[in-house]
Every structure is written in structure tokens, then in C-alpha cells.
């Protein structure tokens, strides 16, 4: 895996993001690597806020910024025409521009010209490595945990990062494996799974989490959802190629249908777990779901506790909010998984 070196600190560009969900990339980078950020750049109609100081390009350069990082993640991953003048101005001010969009930055003539004049880089992170092999299905050494979701944008990345951090704090050997643009920005490496040709998605997942030492955990960032009418395919390929020993089901409290797809209800938690385990058993018959991670950030403490207790009662598994309550209850189950797989 070869990921371009990113020059930090960053000015996080939020532009005209309609909501915090649209700015999930900016939020992720600001939350997990605040030391790498000097501020955020928002248009007057922006409704998102990472909590970083508001700055324009000149202020960010004076504060030491070396790159403008696009923190917006619109559906379809296209560069919006309204952004181009700002991105070009950043290049001309001496900043690299970092993008996780599907649209290559250099395909926009004004940006290509500005980069050529300034000598600054256009860094595209949603570019998979060349020559990805097809999956072998061969069992690999080491242990793997994959976060999976009832829907998109329910906390799979935050859960994986929280588990990785908790494992390291506990003195365990673990590696976070990024599969999306935000995760790659945070980790500095990874494979953008949703940019891989369909036949090679499982092979990319194998490449991402190779053989490792006994007791080492690869904590793999999930993508999409088996229950999403548009993005289930990338989820299934990632599930098969990851060969997870453990799954953590992630959910947004209160969400009952797939976001923006009101005709697609989210199945009950036990049904979600059954179907994920069934899919994962193709390449790892011993896989098991070890618990649930539920985003309850919009709830009161009492409501949060009620939701987590209800999930635990329904499934018989520990349920946590990784930000509000930590993930230690999930880590307590891992020795059981290790015993089954060694």
C-alpha cells in the first residue's frame, strides 16, 4: 500500500456543507488528529462546524498550514463548481490540496493550471494501488476485527479507531486498517475500498490485512452496509476479504430506515447480526459478532443508557457508545474469540 505523504497541519475545508453528516471527513480529522489542524474554512451558508477556529486562506498560511484538506463528503464524491475558486486560491497561496473525492483534482483544468504555476501538489486519496490481486480465500495468521453497520455513517470508523486505541493502551498488538478517505487521512495509509473495481474488492481487503503474528489484531474500518440498496456490494466484498474473527455491529440510535432511502427499513439488531455472520462465514466459519457500538451522541445520558441496555437485552451482547462510554466491554470478549481461533 502506497499512500502519498500528507503535509500537515491542515486547513479543513467545509465549504457549503449542508450538515455535519456532509462534513464527516472534516469532523473525523478534527476529532482524531486535532494537532494536525490549524482551523476550518466555511462559506457563509455552511451548516457544519468541527469546532476548529474559523480562518480564511491567508490566516491559515500565517498559522502554519501546509495543506487545504477537503473535509466535505458529498454523495457521489464530486468536486463542486462552487469550490474551485477557493481550492485554486489555496494552491496559489502555497498550500497543497488534499482530496478524498472520486473526481480527480487534476481533471479540473483550473486546479491543474494553478498547481502547475504554484508548484503545489494535488493529492488524491481515493486512488487504490495498482495490480490488486483477486482474493484467494486463504486463511491468514493473526486476528481480525471488522466494524459493520446497519447503515452508512453510523460510527464504523470511530468504533474501529476507538478499539484500536483501547487495544494499544491495554498493551495489545494492534493495527488500524483504513478503508475510506477519512481513515486514510487519519492513519496516513490504507486502501479506499469503494474505489476498487468490484472483482478485486475482496483481494484488496486481503492485501490490507495480511498475515500477522499470533495475538495481533487488525482492526478494520467497515464501509457501507449490507442493508443499503446502493452500497451493499462494497460491504460484502470487504466482509469476505477481511475474513474477520470478530464483528462489531454499529448503529445510529433512533435511525429506523436507511438514510435518504425511507422505503428501506433497518432490520432488528438480531437479524442484522445473523445476516452479517452468515455472510462472513463464507471465508471464516468461526466468525462471531462480539457486541454493538451505538452512536447516542444526540441523546441525554438517561436515554443513552436506555438504548444501550435495550440493545444488550435484545442481543445478549455488550452494547457501548465508543465516545460516551468507551469500548472496554467489547475488549473483554476478545479473549474468548482468540481461544476459539487458536
Protein backbone atom coordinates (compact mmCIF):
# COMPACT_ATOMS: atom_id res chain seq x y z
CA UNK A 1 0.00 0.00 0.00
CA UNK A 2 1.43 3.34 -1.04
CA UNK A 3 -0.30 6.49 0.19
CA UNK A 4 1.05 9.94 -0.71
CA UNK A 5 2.72 11.70 2.21
CA UNK A 6 0.38 14.35 3.56
CA UNK A 7 1.78 17.73 4.56
CA UNK A 8 0.23 18.94 7.79
CA UNK A 9 -1.02 20.99 9.51
CA UNK A 10 -4.26 21.32 7.60
CA UNK A 11 -6.85 23.96 6.91
CA UNK A 12 -10.02 21.86 6.89
CA UNK A 13 -12.32 22.99 4.09
CA UNK A 14 -16.05 22.64 4.84
CA UNK A 15 -17.31 24.96 2.11
CA UNK A 16 -21.09 24.95 1.93
CA UNK A 17 -21.68 21.65 3.77
CA UNK A 18 -25.38 21.29 4.44
CA UNK A 19 -24.94 19.35 7.69
CA UNK A 20 -22.36 17.83 9.99
CA UNK A 21 -23.03 14.49 8.29
CA UNK A 22 -21.96 16.02 4.96
CA UNK A 23 -18.75 17.14 6.68
CA UNK A 24 -17.96 13.79 8.28
CA UNK A 25 -14.45 13.79 6.79
CA UNK A 26 -13.63 17.13 8.39
CA UNK A 27 -15.15 16.04 11.68
CA UNK A 28 -13.16 12.82 11.67
CA UNK A 29 -9.82 14.50 11.03
CA UNK A 30 -10.53 17.27 13.57
CA UNK A 31 -11.61 14.76 16.24
CA UNK A 32 -8.85 12.18 15.89
CA UNK A 33 -5.89 14.38 14.85
CA UNK A 34 -6.63 17.89 16.16
CA UNK A 35 -2.88 18.52 16.48
CA UNK A 36 -2.69 18.32 12.67
CA UNK A 37 -5.30 21.05 12.08
CA UNK A 38 -4.98 24.84 12.31
CA UNK A 39 -8.58 25.75 11.51
CA UNK A 40 -11.62 25.36 9.28
CA UNK A 41 -12.78 27.30 6.24
CA UNK A 42 -16.55 27.67 5.91
CA UNK A 43 -18.76 29.57 3.49
CA UNK A 44 -21.49 31.83 4.87
CA UNK A 45 -24.18 29.21 4.18
CA UNK A 46 -22.26 26.32 5.78
CA UNK A 47 -24.21 24.46 8.48
CA UNK A 48 -21.35 22.24 9.66
CA UNK A 49 -18.86 23.05 12.39
CA UNK A 50 -15.91 20.92 13.53
CA UNK A 51 -15.14 23.28 16.41
CA UNK A 52 -11.84 24.34 14.86
CA UNK A 53 -11.14 28.10 14.58
CA UNK A 54 -12.66 29.73 11.51
CA UNK A 55 -9.98 31.02 9.14
CA UNK A 56 -9.53 32.20 5.61
CA UNK A 57 -6.62 31.02 3.48
CA UNK A 58 -4.30 33.89 4.40
CA UNK A 59 -4.91 33.42 8.11
CA UNK A 60 -4.30 29.68 7.77
CA UNK A 61 -0.99 30.23 5.98
CA UNK A 62 0.11 32.62 8.74
CA UNK A 63 -0.89 29.96 11.29
CA UNK A 64 1.41 27.47 9.59
CA UNK A 65 -0.97 25.47 7.41
CA UNK A 66 0.70 23.44 4.67
CA UNK A 67 -2.37 21.88 3.05
CA UNK A 68 -6.04 22.53 2.49
CA UNK A 69 -7.88 19.30 3.23
CA UNK A 70 -11.35 18.86 1.71
CA UNK A 71 -13.47 17.87 4.68
CA UNK A 72 -16.76 17.55 2.82
CA UNK A 73 -18.04 14.16 1.67
CA UNK A 74 -20.98 14.74 -0.71
CA UNK A 75 -22.89 11.85 -2.20
CA UNK A 76 -21.11 10.75 -5.36
CA UNK A 77 -17.78 12.28 -4.37
CA UNK A 78 -17.71 15.05 -6.98
CA UNK A 79 -15.81 18.34 -6.78
CA UNK A 80 -18.42 21.11 -6.74
CA UNK A 81 -18.03 24.02 -9.13
CA UNK A 82 -18.57 26.47 -6.25
CA UNK A 83 -15.41 25.19 -4.54
CA UNK A 84 -12.97 25.61 -7.41
CA UNK A 85 -12.02 29.25 -6.86
CA UNK A 86 -11.22 28.54 -3.20
CA UNK A 87 -9.17 25.45 -3.98
CA UNK A 88 -7.25 27.35 -6.67
CA UNK A 89 -6.60 30.21 -4.25
CA UNK A 90 -5.21 27.74 -1.71
CA UNK A 91 -2.76 26.38 -4.28
CA UNK A 92 -1.68 29.87 -5.26
CA UNK A 93 -1.12 30.71 -1.58
CA UNK A 94 1.32 27.81 -1.24
CA UNK A 95 -0.92 25.05 0.10
CA UNK A 96 -1.30 21.51 -1.21
CA UNK A 97 -4.91 20.43 -1.76
CA UNK A 98 -5.86 17.01 -0.35
CA UNK A 99 -9.00 15.31 -1.59
CA UNK A 100 -10.88 12.13 -0.87
CA UNK A 101 -13.33 12.76 -3.70
CA UNK A 102 -13.95 10.33 -6.55
CA UNK A 103 -13.29 13.19 -9.00
CA UNK A 104 -9.50 13.55 -9.56
CA UNK A 105 -8.37 17.05 -8.72
CA UNK A 106 -6.23 17.30 -11.85
CA UNK A 107 -9.30 16.69 -14.01
CA UNK A 108 -10.42 20.23 -13.15
CA UNK A 109 -8.42 22.46 -15.57
CA UNK A 110 -8.28 25.49 -13.29
CA UNK A 111 -6.85 23.39 -10.46
CA UNK A 112 -4.36 21.65 -12.71
CA UNK A 113 -3.16 25.01 -14.00
CA UNK A 114 -2.94 26.53 -10.51
CA UNK A 115 -0.92 23.55 -9.27
CA UNK A 116 1.45 23.80 -12.22
CA UNK A 117 2.00 27.52 -11.64
CA UNK A 118 2.47 27.27 -7.88
CA UNK A 119 4.37 24.01 -7.70
CA UNK A 120 1.95 22.73 -5.05
CA UNK A 121 0.54 19.21 -5.04
CA UNK A 122 -2.91 17.92 -5.88
CA UNK A 123 -3.24 14.87 -3.60
CA UNK A 124 -5.96 12.35 -4.44
CA UNK A 125 -6.50 9.76 -1.70
CA UNK A 126 -9.33 7.85 -3.34
CA UNK A 127 -6.93 6.04 -5.65
CA UNK A 128 -6.40 2.32 -4.99
CA UNK A 129 -3.00 0.70 -5.50
CA UNK A 130 -2.22 -0.82 -8.87
CA UNK A 131 -2.22 -4.58 -9.51
CA UNK A 132 -4.58 -5.59 -6.70
CA UNK A 133 -4.87 -9.38 -6.86
CA UNK A 134 -8.14 -11.26 -6.82
CA UNK A 135 -8.95 -12.81 -3.46
CA UNK A 136 -7.51 -16.21 -2.61
CA UNK A 137 -9.75 -17.07 0.34
CA UNK A 138 -6.66 -18.47 2.07
CA UNK A 139 -6.84 -18.30 5.88
CA UNK A 140 -4.30 -15.83 7.29
CA UNK A 141 -2.45 -15.75 10.57
CA UNK A 142 -3.22 -13.14 13.19
CA UNK A 143 -6.63 -11.90 14.34
CA UNK A 144 -9.06 -9.55 12.57
CA UNK A 145 -11.96 -7.42 13.76
CA UNK A 146 -14.25 -5.69 11.28
CA UNK A 147 -16.78 -3.00 12.12
CA UNK A 148 -20.04 -3.37 10.19
CA UNK A 149 -23.12 -1.19 10.07
CA UNK A 150 -26.89 -1.15 9.98
CA UNK A 151 -26.42 1.79 7.58
CA UNK A 152 -23.76 4.17 6.29
CA UNK A 153 -22.42 6.92 8.57
CA UNK A 154 -23.29 5.19 11.84
CA UNK A 155 -19.86 5.12 13.50
CA UNK A 156 -17.87 2.28 11.93
CA UNK A 157 -14.69 4.36 11.63
CA UNK A 158 -14.98 5.89 15.12
CA UNK A 159 -15.60 2.43 16.59
CA UNK A 160 -12.59 0.91 14.84
CA UNK A 161 -10.33 3.79 15.90
CA UNK A 162 -11.62 3.58 19.49
CA UNK A 163 -11.00 -0.17 19.62
CA UNK A 164 -7.53 0.22 18.15
CA UNK A 165 -6.63 2.90 20.68
CA UNK A 166 -8.01 0.85 23.58
CA UNK A 167 -6.08 -2.23 22.49
CA UNK A 168 -2.84 -0.26 22.32
CA UNK A 169 -3.47 1.33 25.73
CA UNK A 170 -4.01 -2.18 27.11
CA UNK A 171 -0.61 -3.20 25.74
CA UNK A 172 -2.03 -5.34 22.94
CA UNK A 173 -0.55 -5.53 19.44
CA UNK A 174 -3.00 -3.93 17.04
CA UNK A 175 -3.12 -2.02 13.75
CA UNK A 176 -5.90 0.19 12.45
CA UNK A 177 -6.63 -0.63 8.81
CA UNK A 178 -8.21 2.30 6.97
CA UNK A 179 -10.61 1.60 4.11
CA UNK A 180 -12.02 5.10 3.41
CA UNK A 181 -10.64 8.52 2.66
CA UNK A 182 -11.09 9.88 6.19
CA UNK A 183 -9.49 6.87 7.79
CA UNK A 184 -6.57 7.16 5.38
CA UNK A 185 -6.17 10.85 6.28
CA UNK A 186 -6.05 9.90 9.97
CA UNK A 187 -3.84 6.81 9.68
CA UNK A 188 -1.63 8.02 6.83
CA UNK A 189 -2.16 4.82 4.85
CA UNK A 190 -4.85 2.42 3.70
CA UNK A 191 -6.89 1.38 0.66
CA UNK A 192 -10.03 3.28 -0.45
CA UNK A 193 -12.19 0.19 -0.84
CA UNK A 194 -15.08 1.94 -2.59
CA UNK A 195 -12.73 2.97 -5.44
CA UNK A 196 -11.65 -0.61 -6.18
CA UNK A 197 -13.11 -2.46 -9.19
CA UNK A 198 -15.76 -4.85 -7.87
CA UNK A 199 -13.95 -8.10 -8.76
CA UNK A 200 -10.94 -7.02 -6.70
CA UNK A 201 -12.60 -5.69 -3.52
CA UNK A 202 -12.06 -8.90 -1.55
CA UNK A 203 -8.48 -9.08 -2.84
CA UNK A 204 -7.89 -5.51 -1.67
CA UNK A 205 -9.18 -6.46 1.78
CA UNK A 206 -6.75 -9.38 1.88
CA UNK A 207 -3.93 -7.05 0.84
CA UNK A 208 -4.94 -4.57 3.54
CA UNK A 209 -4.84 -7.14 6.36
CA UNK A 210 -2.05 -9.63 5.57
CA UNK A 211 -0.64 -12.47 7.67
CA UNK A 212 0.41 -11.27 11.09
CA UNK A 213 1.80 -12.56 14.35
CA UNK A 214 -0.24 -14.62 16.78
CA UNK A 215 -2.33 -12.41 19.06
CA UNK A 216 -2.05 -9.36 16.80
CA UNK A 217 -5.35 -7.68 15.96
CA UNK A 218 -6.03 -5.89 12.70
CA UNK A 219 -8.94 -3.54 13.41
CA UNK A 220 -10.53 -2.95 10.02
CA UNK A 221 -12.70 0.07 9.27
CA UNK A 222 -16.01 -1.04 7.75
CA UNK A 223 -17.73 0.52 4.74
CA UNK A 224 -21.36 0.76 3.66
CA UNK A 225 -23.97 -1.68 4.92
CA UNK A 226 -25.42 -5.00 3.78
CA UNK A 227 -28.82 -3.34 4.03
CA UNK A 228 -28.06 -0.33 1.82
CA UNK A 229 -29.51 -0.53 -1.70
CA UNK A 230 -26.59 1.40 -3.18
CA UNK A 231 -23.56 0.37 -1.11
CA UNK A 232 -24.16 -3.24 -0.03
CA UNK A 233 -21.76 -4.55 -2.67
CA UNK A 234 -18.65 -2.89 -1.22
CA UNK A 235 -19.64 -4.14 2.24
CA UNK A 236 -19.92 -7.75 1.11
CA UNK A 237 -16.56 -7.72 -0.65
CA UNK A 238 -14.91 -6.21 2.42
CA UNK A 239 -16.55 -8.80 4.69
CA UNK A 240 -15.32 -11.70 2.55
CA UNK A 241 -11.79 -10.41 2.04
CA UNK A 242 -11.27 -9.35 5.66
CA UNK A 243 -12.03 -12.86 6.95
CA UNK A 244 -12.96 -11.33 10.32
CA UNK A 245 -12.74 -13.34 13.51
CA UNK A 246 -14.88 -10.72 15.27
CA UNK A 247 -17.57 -8.33 14.10
CA UNK A 248 -18.92 -5.24 15.88
CA UNK A 249 -22.32 -4.05 14.67
CA UNK A 250 -22.58 -0.25 14.54
CA UNK A 251 -25.84 1.73 14.61
CA UNK A 252 -27.13 5.29 14.95
CA UNK A 253 -29.65 5.45 17.81
CA UNK A 254 -33.11 6.34 16.56
CA UNK A 255 -32.45 5.57 12.89
CA UNK A 256 -35.14 3.20 11.62
CA UNK A 257 -34.66 3.41 7.84
CA UNK A 258 -31.62 3.70 5.58
CA UNK A 259 -30.62 7.37 5.40
CA UNK A 260 -32.19 9.01 2.31
CA UNK A 261 -33.93 5.68 1.47
CA UNK A 262 -37.13 5.78 3.55
CA UNK A 263 -38.56 2.71 1.81
CA UNK A 264 -35.73 0.55 3.20
CA UNK A 265 -36.25 -0.22 6.90
CA UNK A 266 -33.27 -1.24 9.03
CA UNK A 267 -33.79 -4.82 10.29
CA UNK A 268 -33.81 -5.60 14.01
CA UNK A 269 -30.36 -5.90 15.59
CA UNK A 270 -30.50 -9.68 15.94
CA UNK A 271 -31.41 -10.03 12.28
CA UNK A 272 -28.55 -7.71 11.26
CA UNK A 273 -26.10 -9.80 13.29
CA UNK A 274 -27.39 -13.06 11.83
CA UNK A 275 -27.03 -11.84 8.27
CA UNK A 276 -23.55 -10.40 8.80
CA UNK A 277 -22.33 -13.57 10.46
CA UNK A 278 -23.84 -15.66 7.65
CA UNK A 279 -22.06 -13.54 5.01
CA UNK A 280 -18.73 -13.66 6.85
CA UNK A 281 -18.86 -17.42 7.35
CA UNK A 282 -18.04 -17.91 3.68
CA UNK A 283 -14.36 -17.18 4.40
CA UNK A 284 -14.21 -17.66 8.18
CA UNK A 285 -16.64 -20.24 9.62
CA UNK A 286 -15.64 -19.29 13.20
CA UNK A 287 -16.62 -15.61 12.94
CA UNK A 288 -18.83 -14.14 15.65
CA UNK A 289 -20.30 -10.77 16.50
CA UNK A 290 -18.92 -9.65 19.85
CA UNK A 291 -21.15 -6.66 20.51
CA UNK A 292 -22.80 -3.46 19.35
CA UNK A 293 -21.49 0.09 19.04
CA UNK A 294 -24.29 2.65 19.09
CA UNK A 295 -23.91 6.35 18.37
CA UNK A 296 -26.00 8.07 21.05
CA UNK A 297 -24.34 11.47 20.91
CA UNK A 298 -27.65 13.26 20.32
CA UNK A 299 -29.35 11.70 23.39
CA UNK A 300 -29.43 12.58 27.07
CA UNK A 301 -27.46 10.35 29.43
CA UNK A 302 -30.58 8.55 30.64
CA UNK A 303 -31.79 7.96 27.08
CA UNK A 304 -28.33 6.72 26.10
CA UNK A 305 -28.28 4.20 28.92
CA UNK A 306 -31.78 3.01 27.98
CA UNK A 307 -30.79 2.44 24.34
CA UNK A 308 -27.61 0.55 25.26
CA UNK A 309 -29.46 -1.60 27.76
CA UNK A 310 -32.20 -2.38 25.24
CA UNK A 311 -29.60 -3.46 22.68
CA UNK A 312 -27.84 -5.66 25.22
CA UNK A 313 -31.13 -7.23 26.32
CA UNK A 314 -32.24 -7.94 22.75
CA UNK A 315 -28.97 -9.44 21.54
CA UNK A 316 -27.34 -10.84 24.67
CA UNK A 317 -24.18 -8.94 23.71
CA UNK A 318 -22.42 -5.92 25.23
CA UNK A 319 -23.53 -2.59 23.77
CA UNK A 320 -21.41 0.56 24.03
CA UNK A 321 -21.15 4.09 22.76
CA UNK A 322 -17.40 4.33 21.97
CA UNK A 323 -17.23 8.07 22.58
CA UNK A 324 -19.53 8.39 25.59
CA UNK A 325 -18.77 5.15 27.42
CA UNK A 326 -15.68 3.60 25.85
CA UNK A 327 -15.19 0.18 24.29
CA UNK A 328 -13.73 -1.78 27.20
CA UNK A 329 -16.79 -4.06 27.38
CA UNK A 330 -16.04 -5.19 23.82
CA UNK A 331 -12.38 -5.83 24.58
CA UNK A 332 -13.40 -8.17 27.39
CA UNK A 333 -14.89 -10.56 24.81
CA UNK A 334 -11.78 -10.78 22.64
CA UNK A 335 -10.02 -13.49 24.73
CA UNK A 336 -12.97 -15.80 24.00
CA UNK A 337 -12.56 -15.17 20.28
CA UNK A 338 -8.82 -15.77 20.50
CA UNK A 339 -9.37 -19.08 22.31
CA UNK A 340 -11.69 -20.31 19.56
CA UNK A 341 -9.27 -19.36 16.80
CA UNK A 342 -6.01 -20.69 18.26
